Amino acid sequence: MNLVGRAGYVGDDLGSALIGARMVEDLMRLCFLMERQYAPYSKWFGTAFGRLSCGPSIGPLCREVLRAESWEEREEALSAAYLAVGELHNQLAITPPVDLGVVRMCDRPFKVVWGDFIGALSADIEDPEVRRLLERWPVGGIEQVRTVLWRVADRRQLLGLLDSR
């Protein structure tokens, strides 16, 4: 979330808006996952999101991010959206409740929403193969694997993950 502010702070408002839009898409995709619904391709993505049970409450927060005129407004809107999606996670009760908060990033003028979702989600993983993957691969979306596959030089990282025991 800090990249929205960091780009805007140095005068790259277009970059800040683009980062904000990507973050909105990530939050929306996370909502599909939490509701165990298929996220369709872009033509139907917004329509399908609006039909999720969280769509009426999260959708307006996402639109505020996209409508923001400055990085500060974008940051505030993203904070509200992240907190709302964090609360959705807590309502699922698949982990103990995750404490949520908005904090300053390293004494810089940027706010981030903090909650240890990774720790909460990974705490109960017992399968040794799954735990091995968790320890060897950086946390993040599947697009990281796609990126590795696209960049020939980075394929060794994926092979190392899959081949080593």
N, C-alpha and C. Protein backbone atom coordinates (compact mmCIF):
# COMPACT_ATOMS: atom_id res chain seq x y z
N MET A 1 0.82 -1.19 0.00
CA MET A 1 0.00 0.00 0.00
C MET A 1 0.86 1.25 0.00
N ASN A 2 2.06 1.15 0.55
CA ASN A 2 2.91 2.33 0.65
C ASN A 2 3.35 2.85 -0.71
N LEU A 3 3.35 2.02 -1.74
CA LEU A 3 3.80 2.47 -3.05
C LEU A 3 2.88 3.52 -3.67
N VAL A 4 1.60 3.48 -3.31
CA VAL A 4 0.67 4.53 -3.76
C VAL A 4 1.16 5.89 -3.29
N GLY A 5 1.52 5.97 -2.01
CA GLY A 5 2.02 7.22 -1.45
C GLY A 5 3.40 7.57 -1.95
N ARG A 6 4.24 6.59 -2.06
CA ARG A 6 5.62 6.85 -2.49
C ARG A 6 5.66 7.40 -3.91
N ALA A 7 4.86 6.82 -4.80
CA ALA A 7 4.82 7.34 -6.18
C ALA A 7 4.23 8.75 -6.19
N GLY A 8 3.13 8.94 -5.49
CA GLY A 8 2.50 10.26 -5.46
C GLY A 8 3.38 11.32 -4.82
N TYR A 9 4.09 10.94 -3.79
CA TYR A 9 4.94 11.87 -3.05
C TYR A 9 6.03 12.48 -3.92
N VAL A 10 6.51 11.72 -4.91
CA VAL A 10 7.55 12.24 -5.81
C VAL A 10 6.95 12.81 -7.09
N GLY A 11 5.64 13.01 -7.11
CA GLY A 11 5.00 13.67 -8.23
C GLY A 11 4.47 12.76 -9.32
N ASP A 12 4.54 11.47 -9.13
CA ASP A 12 4.05 10.53 -10.15
C ASP A 12 2.62 10.13 -9.81
N ASP A 13 1.69 11.05 -10.03
CA ASP A 13 0.30 10.77 -9.69
C ASP A 13 -0.30 9.69 -10.58
N LEU A 14 0.09 9.66 -11.85
CA LEU A 14 -0.40 8.61 -12.73
C LEU A 14 0.06 7.24 -12.24
N GLY A 15 1.33 7.15 -11.87
CA GLY A 15 1.85 5.90 -11.32
C GLY A 15 1.13 5.51 -10.04
N SER A 16 0.87 6.49 -9.18
CA SER A 16 0.15 6.23 -7.94
C SER A 16 -1.25 5.70 -8.22
N ALA A 17 -1.91 6.30 -9.19
CA ALA A 17 -3.26 5.86 -9.55
C ALA A 17 -3.24 4.45 -10.12
N LEU A 18 -2.24 4.15 -10.93
CA LEU A 18 -2.11 2.81 -11.50
C LEU A 18 -1.87 1.76 -10.42
N ILE A 19 -0.99 2.08 -9.49
CA ILE A 19 -0.73 1.16 -8.37
C ILE A 19 -2.01 0.97 -7.56
N GLY A 20 -2.73 2.05 -7.30
CA GLY A 20 -3.99 1.96 -6.57
C GLY A 20 -5.00 1.08 -7.28
N ALA A 21 -5.08 1.22 -8.60
CA ALA A 21 -6.02 0.39 -9.37
C ALA A 21 -5.64 -1.08 -9.29
N ARG A 22 -4.36 -1.38 -9.35
CA ARG A 22 -3.92 -2.78 -9.23
C ARG A 22 -4.27 -3.33 -7.86
N MET A 23 -4.11 -2.51 -6.84
CA MET A 23 -4.42 -2.96 -5.49
C MET A 23 -5.91 -3.22 -5.33
N VAL A 24 -6.73 -2.38 -5.96
CA VAL A 24 -8.18 -2.60 -5.94
C VAL A 24 -8.50 -3.94 -6.59
N GLU A 25 -7.89 -4.22 -7.74
CA GLU A 25 -8.14 -5.50 -8.39
C GLU A 25 -7.72 -6.66 -7.49
N ASP A 26 -6.58 -6.53 -6.83
CA ASP A 26 -6.13 -7.59 -5.91
C ASP A 26 -7.14 -7.80 -4.77
N LEU A 27 -7.64 -6.70 -4.21
CA LEU A 27 -8.63 -6.82 -3.14
C LEU A 27 -9.91 -7.49 -3.64
N MET A 28 -10.33 -7.11 -4.84
CA MET A 28 -11.54 -7.71 -5.40
C MET A 28 -11.33 -9.20 -5.63
N ARG A 29 -10.17 -9.59 -6.14
CA ARG A 29 -9.88 -11.02 -6.35
C ARG A 29 -9.86 -11.77 -5.02
N LEU A 30 -9.33 -11.13 -4.01
CA LEU A 30 -9.33 -11.74 -2.68
C LEU A 30 -10.76 -11.95 -2.18
N CYS A 31 -11.64 -11.02 -2.46
CA CYS A 31 -13.04 -11.18 -2.07
C CYS A 31 -13.67 -12.37 -2.78
N PHE A 32 -13.36 -12.56 -4.06
CA PHE A 32 -13.86 -13.75 -4.76
C PHE A 32 -13.38 -15.02 -4.06
N LEU A 33 -12.11 -15.05 -3.71
CA LEU A 33 -11.57 -16.22 -3.01
C LEU A 33 -12.27 -16.44 -1.68
N MET A 34 -12.45 -15.39 -0.92
CA MET A 34 -13.08 -15.55 0.39
C MET A 34 -14.52 -16.01 0.29
N GLU A 35 -15.18 -15.64 -0.80
CA GLU A 35 -16.56 -16.08 -0.99
C GLU A 35 -16.65 -17.36 -1.82
N ARG A 36 -15.49 -17.92 -2.14
CA ARG A 36 -15.41 -19.17 -2.89
C ARG A 36 -16.19 -19.08 -4.20
N GLN A 37 -15.95 -17.98 -4.90
CA GLN A 37 -16.59 -17.75 -6.18
C GLN A 37 -15.53 -17.58 -7.25
N TYR A 38 -15.85 -18.00 -8.45
CA TYR A 38 -14.96 -17.86 -9.59
C TYR A 38 -14.89 -16.39 -9.98
N ALA A 39 -13.69 -15.91 -10.20
CA ALA A 39 -13.50 -14.54 -10.69
C ALA A 39 -13.40 -14.58 -12.21
N PRO A 40 -14.39 -14.08 -12.91
CA PRO A 40 -14.37 -14.17 -14.38
C PRO A 40 -13.35 -13.21 -14.99
N TYR A 41 -13.19 -13.32 -16.30
CA TYR A 41 -12.25 -12.42 -16.97
C TYR A 41 -12.78 -11.00 -16.94
N SER A 42 -11.97 -10.06 -17.38
CA SER A 42 -12.22 -8.64 -17.13
C SER A 42 -13.57 -8.13 -17.62
N LYS A 43 -14.10 -8.66 -18.70
CA LYS A 43 -15.38 -8.16 -19.23
C LYS A 43 -16.50 -8.28 -18.19
N TRP A 44 -16.47 -9.32 -17.39
CA TRP A 44 -17.54 -9.57 -16.42
C TRP A 44 -17.09 -9.40 -14.97
N PHE A 45 -15.86 -9.01 -14.78
CA PHE A 45 -15.28 -8.97 -13.44
C PHE A 45 -16.05 -8.05 -12.49
N GLY A 46 -16.28 -6.81 -12.90
CA GLY A 46 -16.98 -5.85 -12.05
C GLY A 46 -18.42 -6.25 -11.77
N THR A 47 -19.10 -6.75 -12.80
CA THR A 47 -20.48 -7.19 -12.63
C THR A 47 -20.56 -8.34 -11.64
N ALA A 48 -19.66 -9.31 -11.81
CA ALA A 48 -19.66 -10.46 -10.90
C ALA A 48 -19.29 -10.03 -9.48
N PHE A 49 -18.35 -9.10 -9.36
CA PHE A 49 -17.97 -8.61 -8.04
C PHE A 49 -19.18 -7.98 -7.34
N GLY A 50 -19.95 -7.19 -8.07
CA GLY A 50 -21.13 -6.55 -7.50
C GLY A 50 -22.15 -7.54 -6.98
N ARG A 51 -22.12 -8.76 -7.49
CA ARG A 51 -23.06 -9.81 -7.07
C ARG A 51 -22.58 -10.60 -5.86
N LEU A 52 -21.31 -10.42 -5.48
CA LEU A 52 -20.82 -11.07 -4.26
C LEU A 52 -21.56 -10.49 -3.06
N SER A 53 -21.63 -11.24 -1.99
CA SER A 53 -22.32 -10.71 -0.81
C SER A 53 -21.63 -9.48 -0.25
N CYS A 54 -20.30 -9.38 -0.45
CA CYS A 54 -19.57 -8.20 0.05
C CYS A 54 -19.55 -7.07 -0.97
N GLY A 55 -20.00 -7.32 -2.19
CA GLY A 55 -19.95 -6.32 -3.24
C GLY A 55 -20.58 -4.97 -2.87
N PRO A 56 -21.79 -4.97 -2.28
CA PRO A 56 -22.41 -3.69 -1.94
C PRO A 56 -21.64 -2.87 -0.90
N SER A 57 -20.88 -3.54 -0.03
CA SER A 57 -20.13 -2.78 0.98
C SER A 57 -18.71 -2.46 0.53
N ILE A 58 -18.06 -3.39 -0.18
CA ILE A 58 -16.67 -3.18 -0.59
C ILE A 58 -16.59 -2.39 -1.91
N GLY A 59 -17.55 -2.58 -2.79
CA GLY A 59 -17.54 -1.90 -4.09
C GLY A 59 -17.39 -0.38 -3.99
N PRO A 60 -18.19 0.29 -3.15
CA PRO A 60 -18.04 1.75 -3.03
C PRO A 60 -16.66 2.16 -2.51
N LEU A 61 -16.07 1.36 -1.64
CA LEU A 61 -14.73 1.67 -1.15
C LEU A 61 -13.71 1.56 -2.28
N CYS A 62 -13.88 0.57 -3.14
CA CYS A 62 -12.99 0.41 -4.30
C CYS A 62 -13.14 1.59 -5.26
N ARG A 63 -14.37 2.02 -5.48
CA ARG A 63 -14.58 3.16 -6.37
C ARG A 63 -13.95 4.44 -5.82
N GLU A 64 -13.95 4.59 -4.51
CA GLU A 64 -13.30 5.77 -3.91
C GLU A 64 -11.81 5.79 -4.21
N VAL A 65 -11.18 4.62 -4.19
CA VAL A 65 -9.75 4.55 -4.53
C VAL A 65 -9.56 5.00 -5.97
N LEU A 66 -10.39 4.50 -6.87
CA LEU A 66 -10.25 4.80 -8.29
C LEU A 66 -10.58 6.25 -8.62
N ARG A 67 -11.41 6.88 -7.83
CA ARG A 67 -11.80 8.28 -8.06
C ARG A 67 -10.89 9.30 -7.38
N ALA A 68 -10.01 8.84 -6.54
CA ALA A 68 -9.17 9.75 -5.75
C ALA A 68 -8.37 10.68 -6.66
N GLU A 69 -8.28 11.92 -6.27
CA GLU A 69 -7.56 12.94 -7.04
C GLU A 69 -6.11 13.11 -6.60
N SER A 70 -5.78 12.61 -5.43
CA SER A 70 -4.40 12.77 -4.93
C SER A 70 -3.98 11.47 -4.25
N TRP A 71 -2.68 11.33 -4.06
CA TRP A 71 -2.20 10.12 -3.40
C TRP A 71 -2.70 10.04 -1.97
N GLU A 72 -2.86 11.20 -1.31
CA GLU A 72 -3.35 11.18 0.07
C GLU A 72 -4.79 10.65 0.13
N GLU A 73 -5.64 11.11 -0.80
CA GLU A 73 -7.02 10.60 -0.86
C GLU A 73 -7.03 9.11 -1.20
N ARG A 74 -6.17 8.73 -2.14
CA ARG A 74 -6.07 7.33 -2.55
C ARG A 74 -5.65 6.45 -1.38
N GLU A 75 -4.67 6.93 -0.61
CA GLU A 75 -4.18 6.19 0.55
C GLU A 75 -5.29 6.01 1.59
N GLU A 76 -6.04 7.06 1.85
CA GLU A 76 -7.15 6.97 2.81
C GLU A 76 -8.21 5.98 2.34
N ALA A 77 -8.54 6.06 1.05
CA ALA A 77 -9.56 5.16 0.51
C ALA A 77 -9.06 3.71 0.53
N LEU A 78 -7.79 3.49 0.20
CA LEU A 78 -7.23 2.15 0.25
C LEU A 78 -7.22 1.61 1.68
N SER A 79 -6.91 2.47 2.63
CA SER A 79 -6.93 2.03 4.02
C SER A 79 -8.30 1.53 4.42
N ALA A 80 -9.32 2.27 4.04
CA ALA A 80 -10.70 1.86 4.36
C ALA A 80 -11.04 0.54 3.69
N ALA A 81 -10.63 0.38 2.43
CA ALA A 81 -10.93 -0.86 1.71
C ALA A 81 -10.18 -2.04 2.31
N TYR A 82 -8.91 -1.84 2.62
CA TYR A 82 -8.12 -2.93 3.23
C TYR A 82 -8.68 -3.33 4.60
N LEU A 83 -9.06 -2.35 5.39
CA LEU A 83 -9.64 -2.67 6.70
C LEU A 83 -10.95 -3.46 6.54
N ALA A 84 -11.77 -3.06 5.57
CA ALA A 84 -13.03 -3.76 5.35
C ALA A 84 -12.80 -5.19 4.89
N VAL A 85 -11.84 -5.41 4.00
CA VAL A 85 -11.55 -6.77 3.54
C VAL A 85 -10.91 -7.57 4.67
N GLY A 86 -10.10 -6.93 5.50
CA GLY A 86 -9.55 -7.61 6.67
C GLY A 86 -10.64 -8.07 7.62
N GLU A 87 -11.64 -7.25 7.79
CA GLU A 87 -12.78 -7.64 8.63
C GLU A 87 -13.53 -8.82 8.02
N LEU A 88 -13.64 -8.84 6.68
CA LEU A 88 -14.26 -9.99 6.02
C LEU A 88 -13.50 -11.27 6.36
N HIS A 89 -12.18 -11.19 6.33
CA HIS A 89 -11.37 -12.35 6.71
C HIS A 89 -11.71 -12.78 8.14
N ASN A 90 -11.75 -11.83 9.04
CA ASN A 90 -12.05 -12.17 10.44
C ASN A 90 -13.43 -12.80 10.59
N GLN A 91 -14.40 -12.34 9.80
CA GLN A 91 -15.75 -12.91 9.87
C GLN A 91 -15.80 -14.36 9.39
N LEU A 92 -14.86 -14.74 8.52
CA LEU A 92 -14.82 -16.13 8.06
C LEU A 92 -14.46 -17.10 9.18
N ALA A 93 -13.74 -16.62 10.19
CA ALA A 93 -13.32 -17.41 11.35
C ALA A 93 -12.49 -18.63 10.94
N ILE A 94 -11.70 -18.51 9.89
CA ILE A 94 -10.81 -19.60 9.50
C ILE A 94 -9.48 -19.53 10.25
N THR A 95 -9.24 -18.41 10.90
CA THR A 95 -8.09 -18.22 11.79
C THR A 95 -8.61 -17.48 13.01
N PRO A 96 -7.81 -17.43 14.06
CA PRO A 96 -8.18 -16.51 15.13
C PRO A 96 -8.26 -15.10 14.54
N PRO A 97 -9.04 -14.21 15.13
CA PRO A 97 -9.14 -12.86 14.57
C PRO A 97 -7.76 -12.19 14.46
N VAL A 98 -7.56 -11.54 13.33
CA VAL A 98 -6.32 -10.82 13.07
C VAL A 98 -6.54 -9.36 13.49
N ASP A 99 -5.67 -8.87 14.36
CA ASP A 99 -5.75 -7.46 14.75
C ASP A 99 -5.36 -6.59 13.57
N LEU A 100 -6.17 -5.59 13.30
CA LEU A 100 -5.94 -4.70 12.17
C LEU A 100 -5.60 -3.31 12.67
N GLY A 101 -4.75 -2.65 11.95
CA GLY A 101 -4.42 -1.28 12.32
C GLY A 101 -3.81 -0.54 11.15
N VAL A 102 -3.90 0.77 11.20
CA VAL A 102 -3.27 1.63 10.21
C VAL A 102 -2.06 2.24 10.89
N VAL A 103 -0.89 2.02 10.29
CA VAL A 103 0.35 2.51 10.89
C VAL A 103 1.16 3.29 9.86
N ARG A 104 2.04 4.12 10.36
CA ARG A 104 2.98 4.83 9.48
C ARG A 104 4.10 3.88 9.11
N MET A 105 4.54 3.98 7.88
CA MET A 105 5.61 3.11 7.40
C MET A 105 6.95 3.71 7.76
N CYS A 106 7.61 3.11 8.72
CA CYS A 106 8.99 3.47 9.08
C CYS A 106 9.20 4.97 9.23
N ASP A 107 8.35 5.64 9.95
CA ASP A 107 8.45 7.09 10.19
C ASP A 107 8.44 7.91 8.90
N ARG A 108 7.86 7.37 7.85
CA ARG A 108 7.71 8.08 6.60
C ARG A 108 6.27 8.56 6.51
N PRO A 109 5.94 9.41 5.57
CA PRO A 109 4.58 9.96 5.54
C PRO A 109 3.53 9.06 4.90
N PHE A 110 3.77 7.76 4.88
CA PHE A 110 2.86 6.84 4.21
C PHE A 110 2.23 5.90 5.23
N LYS A 111 0.93 5.68 5.05
CA LYS A 111 0.20 4.78 5.94
C LYS A 111 0.05 3.41 5.28
N VAL A 112 0.07 2.38 6.11
CA VAL A 112 -0.21 1.03 5.64
C VAL A 112 -1.16 0.36 6.62
N VAL A 113 -1.99 -0.51 6.10
CA VAL A 113 -2.85 -1.31 6.96
C VAL A 113 -2.05 -2.54 7.34
N TRP A 114 -1.99 -2.82 8.62
CA TRP A 114 -1.21 -3.94 9.10
C TRP A 114 -2.12 -4.97 9.76
N GLY A 115 -1.87 -6.21 9.44
CA GLY A 115 -2.51 -7.36 10.06
C GLY A 115 -1.72 -8.58 9.66
N ASP A 116 -1.39 -9.44 10.58
CA ASP A 116 -0.55 -10.59 10.27
C ASP A 116 -1.39 -11.74 9.72
N PHE A 117 -1.90 -11.55 8.51
CA PHE A 117 -2.71 -12.58 7.87
C PHE A 117 -1.87 -13.78 7.50
N ILE A 118 -0.65 -13.55 7.04
CA ILE A 118 0.22 -14.66 6.66
C ILE A 118 0.50 -15.55 7.87
N GLY A 119 0.83 -14.94 8.98
CA GLY A 119 1.07 -15.72 10.20
C GLY A 119 -0.16 -16.49 10.64
N ALA A 120 -1.31 -15.83 10.58
CA ALA A 120 -2.55 -16.49 11.00
C ALA A 120 -2.91 -17.65 10.08
N LEU A 121 -2.74 -17.45 8.78
CA LEU A 121 -3.11 -18.50 7.82
C LEU A 121 -2.12 -19.65 7.81
N SER A 122 -0.86 -19.38 8.08
CA SER A 122 0.14 -20.44 8.00
C SER A 122 0.37 -21.16 9.33
N ALA A 123 -0.16 -20.64 10.42
CA ALA A 123 0.12 -21.20 11.75
C ALA A 123 -0.29 -22.66 11.88
N ASP A 124 -1.38 -23.05 11.27
CA ASP A 124 -1.89 -24.41 11.45
C ASP A 124 -1.52 -25.37 10.32
N ILE A 125 -0.65 -24.97 9.43
CA ILE A 125 -0.24 -25.87 8.35
C ILE A 125 0.65 -26.96 8.94
N GLU A 126 0.23 -28.20 8.80
CA GLU A 126 0.97 -29.32 9.36
C GLU A 126 1.64 -30.18 8.30
N ASP A 127 1.08 -30.21 7.11
CA ASP A 127 1.64 -31.05 6.05
C ASP A 127 3.07 -30.60 5.75
N PRO A 128 4.05 -31.51 5.86
CA PRO A 128 5.44 -31.11 5.68
C PRO A 128 5.76 -30.59 4.28
N GLU A 129 5.10 -31.13 3.26
CA GLU A 129 5.36 -30.66 1.89
C GLU A 129 4.82 -29.24 1.70
N VAL A 130 3.64 -28.97 2.23
CA VAL A 130 3.07 -27.63 2.13
C VAL A 130 3.91 -26.64 2.94
N ARG A 131 4.34 -27.05 4.13
CA ARG A 131 5.18 -26.19 4.96
C ARG A 131 6.51 -25.90 4.25
N ARG A 132 7.07 -26.90 3.56
CA ARG A 132 8.31 -26.71 2.82
C ARG A 132 8.12 -25.65 1.73
N LEU A 133 7.00 -25.72 1.02
CA LEU A 133 6.72 -24.71 0.00
C LEU A 133 6.61 -23.32 0.63
N LEU A 134 5.92 -23.24 1.75
CA LEU A 134 5.73 -21.97 2.44
C LEU A 134 7.08 -21.37 2.84
N GLU A 135 7.99 -22.20 3.29
CA GLU A 135 9.29 -21.72 3.75
C GLU A 135 10.21 -21.34 2.59
N ARG A 136 10.00 -21.94 1.43
CA ARG A 136 10.91 -21.71 0.30
C ARG A 136 10.42 -20.67 -0.69
N TRP A 137 9.15 -20.41 -0.77
CA TRP A 137 8.60 -19.53 -1.79
C TRP A 137 8.09 -18.25 -1.14
N PRO A 138 8.34 -17.11 -1.74
CA PRO A 138 7.85 -15.87 -1.15
C PRO A 138 6.32 -15.82 -1.15
N VAL A 139 5.77 -15.20 -0.13
CA VAL A 139 4.32 -15.06 -0.03
C VAL A 139 3.86 -14.13 -1.14
N GLY A 140 2.74 -14.47 -1.75
CA GLY A 140 2.19 -13.61 -2.80
C GLY A 140 1.28 -14.40 -3.72
N GLY A 141 0.83 -13.72 -4.73
CA GLY A 141 -0.11 -14.31 -5.66
C GLY A 141 0.54 -15.23 -6.68
N ILE A 142 -0.29 -15.96 -7.36
CA ILE A 142 0.17 -16.91 -8.36
C ILE A 142 0.88 -16.20 -9.51
N GLU A 143 0.62 -14.92 -9.69
CA GLU A 143 1.29 -14.20 -10.77
C GLU A 143 2.80 -14.20 -10.60
N GLN A 144 3.29 -14.45 -9.37
CA GLN A 144 4.73 -14.58 -9.18
C GLN A 144 5.27 -15.77 -9.94
N VAL A 145 4.52 -16.88 -9.97
CA VAL A 145 4.96 -18.05 -10.72
C VAL A 145 4.93 -17.73 -12.21
N ARG A 146 3.89 -17.05 -12.65
CA ARG A 146 3.79 -16.66 -14.06
C ARG A 146 4.97 -15.79 -14.46
N THR A 147 5.33 -14.86 -13.61
CA THR A 147 6.46 -13.98 -13.88
C THR A 147 7.74 -14.78 -14.01
N VAL A 148 7.94 -15.74 -13.12
CA VAL A 148 9.13 -16.57 -13.18
C VAL A 148 9.16 -17.35 -14.48
N LEU A 149 8.02 -17.87 -14.90
CA LEU A 149 7.98 -18.64 -16.14
C LEU A 149 8.26 -17.76 -17.36
N TRP A 150 7.86 -16.50 -17.33
CA TRP A 150 8.08 -15.61 -18.46
C TRP A 150 9.53 -15.19 -18.57
N ARG A 151 10.21 -15.04 -17.48
CA ARG A 151 11.61 -14.59 -17.50
C ARG A 151 12.51 -15.81 -17.42
N VAL A 152 13.13 -16.13 -18.53
CA VAL A 152 13.95 -17.33 -18.62
C VAL A 152 15.00 -17.37 -17.51
N ALA A 153 15.63 -16.25 -17.25
CA ALA A 153 16.70 -16.22 -16.25
C ALA A 153 16.19 -16.59 -14.86
N ASP A 154 14.91 -16.38 -14.59
CA ASP A 154 14.36 -16.65 -13.26
C ASP A 154 13.78 -18.04 -13.12
N ARG A 155 13.78 -18.83 -14.18
CA ARG A 155 13.19 -20.16 -14.11
C ARG A 155 13.91 -21.06 -13.13
N ARG A 156 15.19 -20.77 -12.89
CA ARG A 156 15.95 -21.59 -11.93
C ARG A 156 15.32 -21.54 -10.54
N GLN A 157 14.75 -20.39 -10.18
CA GLN A 157 14.11 -20.27 -8.87
C GLN A 157 12.94 -21.25 -8.76
N LEU A 158 12.14 -21.34 -9.80
CA LEU A 158 11.01 -22.26 -9.78
C LEU A 158 11.48 -23.71 -9.77
N LEU A 159 12.47 -24.02 -10.58
CA LEU A 159 13.01 -25.38 -10.59
C LEU A 159 13.59 -25.75 -9.24
N GLY A 160 14.27 -24.82 -8.60
CA GLY A 160 14.83 -25.08 -7.26
C GLY A 160 13.74 -25.35 -6.25
N LEU A 161 12.65 -24.66 -6.36
CA LEU A 161 11.53 -24.88 -5.45
C LEU A 161 10.93 -26.25 -5.64
N LEU A 162 10.76 -26.64 -6.87
CA LEU A 162 10.09 -27.90 -7.16
C LEU A 162 10.99 -29.11 -7.04
N ASP A 163 12.29 -28.96 -7.33
CA ASP A 163 13.20 -30.11 -7.35
C ASP A 163 13.85 -30.43 -6.02
N SER A 164 14.08 -29.45 -5.18
CA SER A 164 14.83 -29.70 -3.94
C SER A 164 13.90 -30.23 -2.85
N ARG A 165 14.49 -31.01 -2.02
CA ARG A 165 13.72 -31.56 -0.88
C ARG A 165 14.45 -31.29 0.37
